[in-house]
Amino acid sequence: MIQPNEDSTKAVRAVFFIDPKGIIRTIIYYPLSLGRNFDELYRVIIALQAADEFDIATPADWYPGDDVIIGPAGSCGTAKDRMDDGDIDCKDWFFCTKKLDKDTVMDRILKK
């Protein structure tokens, strides 16, 4: 749909997240007719920094204080230990999550 007085040239807007090493970590494209959600952009920045700081992954729609995904176990012994650990919730030997406190995340990230 063309907006009033809009040029017929199709354009998009993009947001690039580039880390301190110059590596592009995330690219989000928006059509010209769609506004950007700055809460989502902030969430992405915090999630990327949390992933780096805590060596974790974040699921879709993650916010600080939500469960995070931990990397797969490197051995059968580690997998068994994780499944027996009360602080780690394992759906199976290869997919485990854990709690990561919001204050811990924000304190460590925002102090940088």
PDB file of N, CA and C in Angstrom:
ATOM      1  N   MET A   1       0.847  -1.160   0.000  1.00  0.00           N
ATOM      2  CA  MET A   1       0.000   0.000   0.000  1.00  0.00           C
ATOM      3  C   MET A   1       0.904   1.238   0.000  1.00  0.00           C
ATOM      4  N   ILE A   2       0.625   2.150  -0.848  1.00  0.00           N
ATOM      5  CA  ILE A   2       1.417   3.374  -0.934  1.00  0.00           C
ATOM      6  C   ILE A   2       0.801   4.430  -0.023  1.00  0.00           C
ATOM      7  N   GLN A   3       1.645   5.050   0.755  1.00  0.00           N
ATOM      8  CA  GLN A   3       1.223   6.112   1.662  1.00  0.00           C
ATOM      9  C   GLN A   3       1.029   7.410   0.866  1.00  0.00           C
ATOM     10  N   PRO A   4       0.260   8.367   1.380  1.00  0.00           N
ATOM     11  CA  PRO A   4       0.084   9.640   0.682  1.00  0.00           C
ATOM     12  C   PRO A   4       1.430  10.309   0.414  1.00  0.00           C
ATOM     13  N   ASN A   5       1.603  10.812  -0.780  1.00  0.00           N
ATOM     14  CA  ASN A   5       2.817  11.512  -1.223  1.00  0.00           C
ATOM     15  C   ASN A   5       4.070  10.641  -1.184  1.00  0.00           C
ATOM     16  N   GLU A   6       3.885   9.331  -1.139  1.00  0.00           N
ATOM     17  CA  GLU A   6       5.023   8.418  -1.095  1.00  0.00           C
ATOM     18  C   GLU A   6       5.517   8.159  -2.509  1.00  0.00           C
ATOM     19  N   ASP A   7       6.803   8.088  -2.645  1.00  0.00           N
ATOM     20  CA  ASP A   7       7.407   7.758  -3.929  1.00  0.00           C
ATOM     21  C   ASP A   7       7.071   6.311  -4.266  1.00  0.00           C
ATOM     22  N   SER A   8       6.990   5.989  -5.533  1.00  0.00           N
ATOM     23  CA  SER A   8       6.671   4.619  -5.932  1.00  0.00           C
ATOM     24  C   SER A   8       7.865   3.680  -5.776  1.00  0.00           C
ATOM     25  N   THR A   9       9.042   4.225  -5.516  1.00  0.00           N
ATOM     26  CA  THR A   9      10.207   3.394  -5.254  1.00  0.00           C
ATOM     27  C   THR A   9       9.984   2.633  -3.960  1.00  0.00           C
ATOM     28  N   LYS A  10      10.181   1.331  -4.002  1.00  0.00           N
ATOM     29  CA  LYS A  10       9.977   0.517  -2.808  1.00  0.00           C
ATOM     30  C   LYS A  10      11.231   0.563  -1.948  1.00  0.00           C
ATOM     31  N   ALA A  11      11.079   0.989  -0.738  1.00  0.00           N
ATOM     32  CA  ALA A  11      12.208   1.108   0.181  1.00  0.00           C
ATOM     33  C   ALA A  11      11.903   0.338   1.454  1.00  0.00           C
ATOM     34  N   VAL A  12      12.949  -0.030   2.130  1.00  0.00           N
ATOM     35  CA  VAL A  12      12.809  -0.648   3.441  1.00  0.00           C
ATOM     36  C   VAL A  12      13.744   0.081   4.393  1.00  0.00           C
ATOM     37  N   ARG A  13      13.451  -0.059   5.655  1.00  0.00           N
ATOM     38  CA  ARG A  13      14.364   0.455   6.677  1.00  0.00           C
ATOM     39  C   ARG A  13      14.943  -0.751   7.383  1.00  0.00           C
ATOM     40  N   ALA A  14      16.170  -0.652   7.788  1.00  0.00           N
ATOM     41  CA  ALA A  14      16.815  -1.768   8.460  1.00  0.00           C
ATOM     42  C   ALA A  14      17.501  -1.277   9.720  1.00  0.00           C
ATOM     43  N   VAL A  15      17.524  -2.156  10.709  1.00  0.00           N
ATOM     44  CA  VAL A  15      18.256  -1.903  11.947  1.00  0.00           C
ATOM     45  C   VAL A  15      19.354  -2.959  12.018  1.00  0.00           C
ATOM     46  N   PHE A  16      20.587  -2.511  12.206  1.00  0.00           N
ATOM     47  CA  PHE A  16      21.728  -3.401  12.315  1.00  0.00           C
ATOM     48  C   PHE A  16      22.264  -3.331  13.736  1.00  0.00           C
ATOM     49  N   PHE A  17      22.487  -4.485  14.336  1.00  0.00           N
ATOM     50  CA  PHE A  17      23.135  -4.555  15.641  1.00  0.00           C
ATOM     51  C   PHE A  17      24.553  -5.047  15.391  1.00  0.00           C
ATOM     52  N   ILE A  18      25.528  -4.191  15.658  1.00  0.00           N
ATOM     53  CA  ILE A  18      26.926  -4.501  15.412  1.00  0.00           C
ATOM     54  C   ILE A  18      27.652  -4.492  16.754  1.00  0.00           C
ATOM     55  N   ASP A  19      28.343  -5.597  17.055  1.00  0.00           N
ATOM     56  CA  ASP A  19      29.004  -5.690  18.359  1.00  0.00           C
ATOM     57  C   ASP A  19      30.319  -4.902  18.361  1.00  0.00           C
ATOM     58  N   PRO A  20      30.957  -4.776  19.523  1.00  0.00           N
ATOM     59  CA  PRO A  20      32.200  -3.999  19.617  1.00  0.00           C
ATOM     60  C   PRO A  20      33.338  -4.526  18.736  1.00  0.00           C
ATOM     61  N   LYS A  21      33.259  -5.796  18.314  1.00  0.00           N
ATOM     62  CA  LYS A  21      34.282  -6.355  17.431  1.00  0.00           C
ATOM     63  C   LYS A  21      33.983  -6.072  15.957  1.00  0.00           C
ATOM     64  N   GLY A  22      32.870  -5.372  15.698  1.00  0.00           N
ATOM     65  CA  GLY A  22      32.495  -5.043  14.329  1.00  0.00           C
ATOM     66  C   GLY A  22      31.714  -6.138  13.622  1.00  0.00           C
ATOM     67  N   ILE A  23      31.221  -7.107  14.359  1.00  0.00           N
ATOM     68  CA  ILE A  23      30.465  -8.218  13.780  1.00  0.00           C
ATOM     69  C   ILE A  23      28.976  -7.888  13.815  1.00  0.00           C
ATOM     70  N   ILE A  24      28.323  -8.038  12.671  1.00  0.00           N
ATOM     71  CA  ILE A  24      26.872  -7.827  12.616  1.00  0.00           C
ATOM     72  C   ILE A  24      26.214  -9.012  13.300  1.00  0.00           C
ATOM     73  N   ARG A  25      25.460  -8.737  14.339  1.00  0.00           N
ATOM     74  CA  ARG A  25      24.818  -9.792  15.125  1.00  0.00           C
ATOM     75  C   ARG A  25      23.358  -9.994  14.758  1.00  0.00           C
ATOM     76  N   THR A  26      22.681  -8.924  14.371  1.00  0.00           N
ATOM     77  CA  THR A  26      21.263  -9.004  14.043  1.00  0.00           C
ATOM     78  C   THR A  26      20.942  -7.947  13.004  1.00  0.00           C
ATOM     79  N   ILE A  27      20.069  -8.315  12.067  1.00  0.00           N
ATOM     80  CA  ILE A  27      19.539  -7.360  11.106  1.00  0.00           C
ATOM     81  C   ILE A  27      18.029  -7.529  11.108  1.00  0.00           C
ATOM     82  N   ILE A  28      17.325  -6.431  11.274  1.00  0.00           N
ATOM     83  CA  ILE A  28      15.865  -6.458  11.233  1.00  0.00           C
ATOM     84  C   ILE A  28      15.423  -5.484  10.151  1.00  0.00           C
ATOM     85  N   TYR A  29      14.654  -5.985   9.191  1.00  0.00           N
ATOM     86  CA  TYR A  29      14.140  -5.150   8.108  1.00  0.00           C
ATOM     87  C   TYR A  29      12.683  -4.811   8.350  1.00  0.00           C
ATOM     88  N   TYR A  30      12.333  -3.579   8.060  1.00  0.00           N
ATOM     89  CA  TYR A  30      10.965  -3.102   8.187  1.00  0.00           C
ATOM     90  C   TYR A  30      10.533  -2.493   6.855  1.00  0.00           C
ATOM     91  N   PRO A  31       9.318  -2.779   6.388  1.00  0.00           N
ATOM     92  CA  PRO A  31       8.835  -2.062   5.215  1.00  0.00           C
ATOM     93  C   PRO A  31       8.599  -0.599   5.585  1.00  0.00           C
ATOM     94  N   LEU A  32       8.624   0.248   4.603  1.00  0.00           N
ATOM     95  CA  LEU A  32       8.473   1.679   4.837  1.00  0.00           C
ATOM     96  C   LEU A  32       7.189   2.006   5.600  1.00  0.00           C
ATOM     97  N   SER A  33       6.149   1.216   5.385  1.00  0.00           N
ATOM     98  CA  SER A  33       4.858   1.507   6.000  1.00  0.00           C
ATOM     99  C   SER A  33       4.726   1.018   7.444  1.00  0.00           C
ATOM    100  N   LEU A  34       5.752   0.353   7.960  1.00  0.00           N
ATOM    101  CA  LEU A  34       5.671  -0.214   9.310  1.00  0.00           C
ATOM    102  C   LEU A  34       6.638   0.496  10.244  1.00  0.00           C
ATOM    103  N   GLY A  35       6.127   0.944  11.372  1.00  0.00           N
ATOM    104  CA  GLY A  35       6.977   1.608  12.359  1.00  0.00           C
ATOM    105  C   GLY A  35       7.822   0.609  13.122  1.00  0.00           C
ATOM    106  N   ARG A  36       8.924   1.088  13.657  1.00  0.00           N
ATOM    107  CA  ARG A  36       9.815   0.244  14.452  1.00  0.00           C
ATOM    108  C   ARG A  36       9.389   0.280  15.907  1.00  0.00           C
ATOM    109  N   ASN A  37       9.583  -0.834  16.576  1.00  0.00           N
ATOM    110  CA  ASN A  37       9.208  -0.977  17.973  1.00  0.00           C
ATOM    111  C   ASN A  37      10.483  -0.860  18.814  1.00  0.00           C
ATOM    112  N   PHE A  38      10.661   0.278  19.476  1.00  0.00           N
ATOM    113  CA  PHE A  38      11.900   0.500  20.214  1.00  0.00           C
ATOM    114  C   PHE A  38      12.008  -0.376  21.450  1.00  0.00           C
ATOM    115  N   ASP A  39      10.879  -0.810  22.024  1.00  0.00           N
ATOM    116  CA  ASP A  39      10.953  -1.782  23.119  1.00  0.00           C
ATOM    117  C   ASP A  39      11.572  -3.086  22.622  1.00  0.00           C
ATOM    118  N   GLU A  40      11.204  -3.498  21.411  1.00  0.00           N
ATOM    119  CA  GLU A  40      11.775  -4.723  20.836  1.00  0.00           C
ATOM    120  C   GLU A  40      13.260  -4.540  20.528  1.00  0.00           C
ATOM    121  N   LEU A  41      13.648  -3.381  20.033  1.00  0.00           N
ATOM    122  CA  LEU A  41      15.066  -3.134  19.753  1.00  0.00           C
ATOM    123  C   LEU A  41      15.881  -3.177  21.045  1.00  0.00           C
ATOM    124  N   TYR A  42      15.353  -2.606  22.111  1.00  0.00           N
ATOM    125  CA  TYR A  42      16.031  -2.642  23.417  1.00  0.00           C
ATOM    126  C   TYR A  42      16.126  -4.083  23.921  1.00  0.00           C
ATOM    127  N   ARG A  43      15.040  -4.859  23.751  1.00  0.00           N
ATOM    128  CA  ARG A  43      15.025  -6.257  24.166  1.00  0.00           C
ATOM    129  C   ARG A  43      16.110  -7.040  23.430  1.00  0.00           C
ATOM    130  N   VAL A  44      16.279  -6.785  22.141  1.00  0.00           N
ATOM    131  CA  VAL A  44      17.297  -7.477  21.351  1.00  0.00           C
ATOM    132  C   VAL A  44      18.697  -7.147  21.874  1.00  0.00           C
ATOM    133  N   ILE A  45      18.950  -5.879  22.155  1.00  0.00           N
ATOM    134  CA  ILE A  45      20.262  -5.481  22.675  1.00  0.00           C
ATOM    135  C   ILE A  45      20.556  -6.194  23.995  1.00  0.00           C
ATOM    136  N   ILE A  46      19.601  -6.186  24.903  1.00  0.00           N
ATOM    137  CA  ILE A  46      19.799  -6.839  26.209  1.00  0.00           C
ATOM    138  C   ILE A  46      19.986  -8.342  26.022  1.00  0.00           C
ATOM    139  N   ALA A  47      19.205  -8.966  25.140  1.00  0.00           N
ATOM    140  CA  ALA A  47      19.322 -10.410  24.912  1.00  0.00           C
ATOM    141  C   ALA A  47      20.688 -10.769  24.325  1.00  0.00           C
ATOM    142  N   LEU A  48      21.176  -9.984  23.375  1.00  0.00           N
ATOM    143  CA  LEU A  48      22.501 -10.247  22.806  1.00  0.00           C
ATOM    144  C   LEU A  48      23.592 -10.114  23.867  1.00  0.00           C
ATOM    145  N   GLN A  49      23.493  -9.080  24.683  1.00  0.00           N
ATOM    146  CA  GLN A  49      24.498  -8.881  25.721  1.00  0.00           C
ATOM    147  C   GLN A  49      24.413  -9.969  26.793  1.00  0.00           C
ATOM    148  N   ALA A  50      23.203 -10.405  27.125  1.00  0.00           N
ATOM    149  CA  ALA A  50      23.040 -11.481  28.107  1.00  0.00           C
ATOM    150  C   ALA A  50      23.616 -12.785  27.558  1.00  0.00           C
ATOM    151  N   ALA A  51      23.386 -13.060  26.291  1.00  0.00           N
ATOM    152  CA  ALA A  51      23.923 -14.275  25.680  1.00  0.00           C
ATOM    153  C   ALA A  51      25.445 -14.288  25.767  1.00  0.00           C
ATOM    154  N   ASP A  52      26.064 -13.145  25.506  1.00  0.00           N
ATOM    155  CA  ASP A  52      27.526 -13.051  25.593  1.00  0.00           C
ATOM    156  C   ASP A  52      28.021 -13.146  27.036  1.00  0.00           C
ATOM    157  N   GLU A  53      27.362 -12.439  27.920  1.00  0.00           N
ATOM    158  CA  GLU A  53      27.814 -12.355  29.315  1.00  0.00           C
ATOM    159  C   GLU A  53      27.660 -13.673  30.071  1.00  0.00           C
ATOM    160  N   PHE A  54      26.563 -14.398  29.811  1.00  0.00           N
ATOM    161  CA  PHE A  54      26.251 -15.588  30.595  1.00  0.00           C
ATOM    162  C   PHE A  54      26.412 -16.894  29.809  1.00  0.00           C
ATOM    163  N   ASP A  55      26.860 -16.810  28.555  1.00  0.00           N
ATOM    164  CA  ASP A  55      27.039 -17.985  27.704  1.00  0.00           C
ATOM    165  C   ASP A  55      25.760 -18.809  27.617  1.00  0.00           C
ATOM    166  N   ILE A  56      24.691 -18.142  27.243  1.00  0.00           N
ATOM    167  CA  ILE A  56      23.367 -18.765  27.139  1.00  0.00           C
ATOM    168  C   ILE A  56      22.744 -18.355  25.814  1.00  0.00           C
ATOM    169  N   ALA A  57      21.573 -18.905  25.531  1.00  0.00           N
ATOM    170  CA  ALA A  57      20.752 -18.470  24.402  1.00  0.00           C
ATOM    171  C   ALA A  57      19.407 -18.040  24.973  1.00  0.00           C
ATOM    172  N   THR A  58      18.723 -17.189  24.246  1.00  0.00           N
ATOM    173  CA  THR A  58      17.428 -16.713  24.720  1.00  0.00           C
ATOM    174  C   THR A  58      16.332 -17.186  23.775  1.00  0.00           C
ATOM    175  N   PRO A  59      15.223 -17.672  24.326  1.00  0.00           N
ATOM    176  CA  PRO A  59      14.121 -18.096  23.473  1.00  0.00           C
ATOM    177  C   PRO A  59      13.362 -16.897  22.909  1.00  0.00           C
ATOM    178  N   ALA A  60      12.456 -17.160  22.001  1.00  0.00           N
ATOM    179  CA  ALA A  60      11.625 -16.105  21.416  1.00  0.00           C
ATOM    180  C   ALA A  60      10.903 -15.338  22.517  1.00  0.00           C
ATOM    181  N   ASP A  61      10.802 -14.055  22.340  1.00  0.00           N
ATOM    182  CA  ASP A  61      10.085 -13.170  23.266  1.00  0.00           C
ATOM    183  C   ASP A  61      10.691 -13.141  24.662  1.00  0.00           C
ATOM    184  N   TRP A  62      11.974 -13.447  24.785  1.00  0.00           N
ATOM    185  CA  TRP A  62      12.651 -13.452  26.076  1.00  0.00           C
ATOM    186  C   TRP A  62      12.800 -12.033  26.619  1.00  0.00           C
ATOM    187  N   TYR A  63      12.602 -11.908  27.913  1.00  0.00           N
ATOM    188  CA  TYR A  63      12.881 -10.671  28.647  1.00  0.00           C
ATOM    189  C   TYR A  63      13.706 -11.033  29.872  1.00  0.00           C
ATOM    190  N   PRO A  64      14.539 -10.108  30.375  1.00  0.00           N
ATOM    191  CA  PRO A  64      15.318 -10.403  31.577  1.00  0.00           C
ATOM    192  C   PRO A  64      14.422 -10.925  32.699  1.00  0.00           C
ATOM    193  N   GLY A  65      14.846 -12.023  33.303  1.00  0.00           N
ATOM    194  CA  GLY A  65      14.076 -12.686  34.349  1.00  0.00           C
ATOM    195  C   GLY A  65      13.405 -13.956  33.853  1.00  0.00           C
ATOM    196  N   ASP A  66      13.235 -14.075  32.530  1.00  0.00           N
ATOM    197  CA  ASP A  66      12.681 -15.299  31.954  1.00  0.00           C
ATOM    198  C   ASP A  66      13.761 -16.380  31.927  1.00  0.00           C
ATOM    199  N   ASP A  67      13.334 -17.626  31.760  1.00  0.00           N
ATOM    200  CA  ASP A  67      14.282 -18.730  31.637  1.00  0.00           C
ATOM    201  C   ASP A  67      15.144 -18.549  30.395  1.00  0.00           C
ATOM    202  N   VAL A  68      16.370 -19.051  30.470  1.00  0.00           N
ATOM    203  CA  VAL A  68      17.301 -19.016  29.342  1.00  0.00           C
ATOM    204  C   VAL A  68      17.675 -20.447  28.963  1.00  0.00           C
ATOM    205  N   ILE A  69      18.193 -20.606  27.771  1.00  0.00           N
ATOM    206  CA  ILE A  69      18.598 -21.912  27.269  1.00  0.00           C
ATOM    207  C   ILE A  69      20.103 -22.056  27.471  1.00  0.00           C
ATOM    208  N   ILE A  70      20.500 -23.187  28.027  1.00  0.00           N
ATOM    209  CA  ILE A  70      21.931 -23.435  28.196  1.00  0.00           C
ATOM    210  C   ILE A  70      22.398 -24.400  27.103  1.00  0.00           C
ATOM    211  N   GLY A  71      23.669 -24.318  26.777  1.00  0.00           N
ATOM    212  CA  GLY A  71      24.231 -25.150  25.715  1.00  0.00           C
ATOM    213  C   GLY A  71      24.109 -26.626  26.025  1.00  0.00           C
ATOM    214  N   PRO A  72      24.168 -27.451  24.987  1.00  0.00           N
ATOM    215  CA  PRO A  72      24.053 -28.892  25.208  1.00  0.00           C
ATOM    216  C   PRO A  72      25.222 -29.432  26.017  1.00  0.00           C
ATOM    217  N   ALA A  73      24.953 -30.504  26.729  1.00  0.00           N
ATOM    218  CA  ALA A  73      25.989 -31.150  27.540  1.00  0.00           C
ATOM    219  C   ALA A  73      27.061 -31.734  26.632  1.00  0.00           C
ATOM    220  N   GLY A  74      28.302 -31.670  27.074  1.00  0.00           N
ATOM    221  CA  GLY A  74      29.407 -32.187  26.282  1.00  0.00           C
ATOM    222  C   GLY A  74      29.672 -33.667  26.487  1.00  0.00           C
ATOM    223  N   SER A  75      29.003 -34.257  27.477  1.00  0.00           N
ATOM    224  CA  SER A  75      29.221 -35.686  27.750  1.00  0.00           C
ATOM    225  C   SER A  75      27.976 -36.266  28.402  1.00  0.00           C
ATOM    226  N   CYS A  76      27.919 -37.584  28.440  1.00  0.00           N
ATOM    227  CA  CYS A  76      26.785 -38.257  29.086  1.00  0.00           C
ATOM    228  C   CYS A  76      26.752 -37.946  30.579  1.00  0.00           C
ATOM    229  N   GLY A  77      27.936 -37.855  31.198  1.00  0.00           N
ATOM    230  CA  GLY A  77      28.006 -37.548  32.625  1.00  0.00           C
ATOM    231  C   GLY A  77      27.460 -36.159  32.921  1.00  0.00           C
ATOM    232  N   THR A  78      27.827 -35.195  32.100  1.00  0.00           N
ATOM    233  CA  THR A  78      27.315 -33.831  32.281  1.00  0.00           C
ATOM    234  C   THR A  78      25.810 -33.802  32.071  1.00  0.00           C
ATOM    235  N   ALA A  79      25.334 -34.527  31.067  1.00  0.00           N
ATOM    236  CA  ALA A  79      23.890 -34.573  30.807  1.00  0.00           C
ATOM    237  C   ALA A  79      23.147 -35.149  32.009  1.00  0.00           C
ATOM    238  N   LYS A  80      23.681 -36.228  32.595  1.00  0.00           N
ATOM    239  CA  LYS A  80      23.041 -36.831  33.769  1.00  0.00           C
ATOM    240  C   LYS A  80      23.052 -35.870  34.945  1.00  0.00           C
ATOM    241  N   ASP A  81      24.192 -35.203  35.168  1.00  0.00           N
ATOM    242  CA  ASP A  81      24.279 -34.240  36.265  1.00  0.00           C
ATOM    243  C   ASP A  81      23.257 -33.128  36.097  1.00  0.00           C
ATOM    244  N   ARG A  82      23.110 -32.639  34.880  1.00  0.00           N
ATOM    245  CA  ARG A  82      22.137 -31.570  34.626  1.00  0.00           C
ATOM    246  C   ARG A  82      20.716 -32.037  34.900  1.00  0.00           C
ATOM    247  N   MET A  83      20.409 -33.249  34.469  1.00  0.00           N
ATOM    248  CA  MET A  83      19.045 -33.755  34.654  1.00  0.00           C
ATOM    249  C   MET A  83      18.737 -33.976  36.133  1.00  0.00           C
ATOM    250  N   ASP A  84      19.782 -34.199  36.939  1.00  0.00           N
ATOM    251  CA  ASP A  84      19.602 -34.376  38.384  1.00  0.00           C
ATOM    252  C   ASP A  84      19.657 -33.051  39.145  1.00  0.00           C
ATOM    253  N   ASP A  85      20.127 -31.985  38.506  1.00  0.00           N
ATOM    254  CA  ASP A  85      20.287 -30.674  39.141  1.00  0.00           C
ATOM    255  C   ASP A  85      18.913 -30.008  39.281  1.00  0.00           C
ATOM    256  N   GLY A  86      18.589 -29.585  40.474  1.00  0.00           N
ATOM    257  CA  GLY A  86      17.298 -28.943  40.720  1.00  0.00           C
ATOM    258  C   GLY A  86      17.172 -27.545  40.142  1.00  0.00           C
ATOM    259  N   ASP A  87      18.307 -26.898  39.823  1.00  0.00           N
ATOM    260  CA  ASP A  87      18.272 -25.541  39.276  1.00  0.00           C
ATOM    261  C   ASP A  87      18.170 -25.520  37.754  1.00  0.00           C
ATOM    262  N   ILE A  88      18.344 -26.671  37.130  1.00  0.00           N
ATOM    263  CA  ILE A  88      18.291 -26.766  35.673  1.00  0.00           C
ATOM    264  C   ILE A  88      17.094 -27.620  35.287  1.00  0.00           C
ATOM    265  N   ASP A  89      16.299 -27.134  34.357  1.00  0.00           N
ATOM    266  CA  ASP A  89      15.116 -27.855  33.889  1.00  0.00           C
ATOM    267  C   ASP A  89      15.433 -28.446  32.520  1.00  0.00           C
ATOM    268  N   CYS A  90      15.582 -29.774  32.465  1.00  0.00           N
ATOM    269  CA  CYS A  90      15.906 -30.446  31.212  1.00  0.00           C
ATOM    270  C   CYS A  90      14.667 -31.123  30.640  1.00  0.00           C
ATOM    271  N   LYS A  91      14.346 -30.759  29.404  1.00  0.00           N
ATOM    272  CA  LYS A  91      13.243 -31.410  28.694  1.00  0.00           C
ATOM    273  C   LYS A  91      13.738 -32.755  28.163  1.00  0.00           C
ATOM    274  N   ASP A  92      14.997 -32.791  27.850  1.00  0.00           N
ATOM    275  CA  ASP A  92      15.684 -33.983  27.381  1.00  0.00           C
ATOM    276  C   ASP A  92      17.168 -33.742  27.632  1.00  0.00           C
ATOM    277  N   TRP A  93      18.029 -34.690  27.306  1.00  0.00           N
ATOM    278  CA  TRP A  93      19.456 -34.531  27.596  1.00  0.00           C
ATOM    279  C   TRP A  93      20.085 -33.375  26.837  1.00  0.00           C
ATOM    280  N   PHE A  94      19.492 -32.984  25.706  1.00  0.00           N
ATOM    281  CA  PHE A  94      20.095 -31.948  24.860  1.00  0.00           C
ATOM    282  C   PHE A  94      19.432 -30.579  24.969  1.00  0.00           C
ATOM    283  N   PHE A  95      18.299 -30.482  25.679  1.00  0.00           N
ATOM    284  CA  PHE A  95      17.623 -29.193  25.776  1.00  0.00           C
ATOM    285  C   PHE A  95      17.304 -28.878  27.233  1.00  0.00           C
ATOM    286  N   CYS A  96      18.055 -27.933  27.794  1.00  0.00           N
ATOM    287  CA  CYS A  96      17.877 -27.550  29.189  1.00  0.00           C
ATOM    288  C   CYS A  96      17.751 -26.034  29.305  1.00  0.00           C
ATOM    289  N   THR A  97      16.967 -25.623  30.279  1.00  0.00           N
ATOM    290  CA  THR A  97      16.820 -24.201  30.585  1.00  0.00           C
ATOM    291  C   THR A  97      17.122 -23.994  32.058  1.00  0.00           C
ATOM    292  N   LYS A  98      17.358 -22.732  32.390  1.00  0.00           N
ATOM    293  CA  LYS A  98      17.567 -22.400  33.797  1.00  0.00           C
ATOM    294  C   LYS A  98      17.043 -20.998  34.041  1.00  0.00           C
ATOM    295  N   LYS A  99      16.823 -20.696  35.298  1.00  0.00           N
ATOM    296  CA  LYS A  99      16.412 -19.353  35.696  1.00  0.00           C
ATOM    297  C   LYS A  99      17.625 -18.444  35.646  1.00  0.00           C
ATOM    298  N   LEU A 100      17.399 -17.221  35.218  1.00  0.00           N
ATOM    299  CA  LEU A 100      18.436 -16.199  35.263  1.00  0.00           C
ATOM    300  C   LEU A 100      17.743 -14.934  35.750  1.00  0.00           C
ATOM    301  N   ASP A 101      18.053 -14.563  36.964  1.00  0.00           N
ATOM    302  CA  ASP A 101      17.399 -13.463  37.657  1.00  0.00           C
ATOM    303  C   ASP A 101      17.528 -12.137  36.889  1.00  0.00           C
ATOM    304  N   LYS A 102      16.437 -11.422  36.792  1.00  0.00           N
ATOM    305  CA  LYS A 102      16.419 -10.137  36.074  1.00  0.00           C
ATOM    306  C   LYS A 102      17.444  -9.162  36.633  1.00  0.00           C
ATOM    307  N   ASP A 103      17.529  -9.032  37.950  1.00  0.00           N
ATOM    308  CA  ASP A 103      18.473  -8.083  38.546  1.00  0.00           C
ATOM    309  C   ASP A 103      19.918  -8.463  38.230  1.00  0.00           C
ATOM    310  N   THR A 104      20.216  -9.765  38.229  1.00  0.00           N
ATOM    311  CA  THR A 104      21.564 -10.219  37.892  1.00  0.00           C
ATOM    312  C   THR A 104      21.904  -9.835  36.457  1.00  0.00           C
ATOM    313  N   VAL A 105      20.975 -10.087  35.544  1.00  0.00           N
ATOM    314  CA  VAL A 105      21.189  -9.739  34.138  1.00  0.00           C
ATOM    315  C   VAL A 105      21.422  -8.243  33.985  1.00  0.00           C
ATOM    316  N   MET A 106      20.519  -7.443  34.504  1.00  0.00           N
ATOM    317  CA  MET A 106      20.597  -6.000  34.294  1.00  0.00           C
ATOM    318  C   MET A 106      21.813  -5.393  34.996  1.00  0.00           C
ATOM    319  N   ASP A 107      22.136  -5.868  36.197  1.00  0.00           N
ATOM    320  CA  ASP A 107      23.305  -5.333  36.907  1.00  0.00           C
ATOM    321  C   ASP A 107      24.591  -5.605  36.135  1.00  0.00           C
ATOM    322  N   ARG A 108      24.749  -6.810  35.627  1.00  0.00           N
ATOM    323  CA  ARG A 108      25.993  -7.162  34.927  1.00  0.00           C
ATOM    324  C   ARG A 108      26.084  -6.485  33.567  1.00  0.00           C
ATOM    325  N   ILE A 109      24.966  -6.322  32.902  1.00  0.00           N
ATOM    326  CA  ILE A 109      24.996  -5.729  31.559  1.00  0.00           C
ATOM    327  C   ILE A 109      25.103  -4.207  31.625  1.00  0.00           C
ATOM    328  N   LEU A 110      24.329  -3.590  32.472  1.00  0.00           N
ATOM    329  CA  LEU A 110      24.299  -2.134  32.507  1.00  0.00           C
ATOM    330  C   LEU A 110      25.543  -1.526  33.157  1.00  0.00           C
ATOM    331  N   LYS A 111      26.305  -2.312  33.903  1.00  0.00           N
ATOM    332  CA  LYS A 111      27.532  -1.805  34.519  1.00  0.00           C
ATOM    333  C   LYS A 111      28.669  -1.694  33.525  1.00  0.00           C
ATOM    334  N   LYS A 112      28.512  -2.300  32.350  1.00  0.00           N
ATOM    335  CA  LYS A 112      29.593  -2.279  31.356  1.00  0.00           C
ATOM    336  C   LYS A 112      29.699  -0.946  30.758  1.00  0.00           C
TER     337      LYS A 112
END
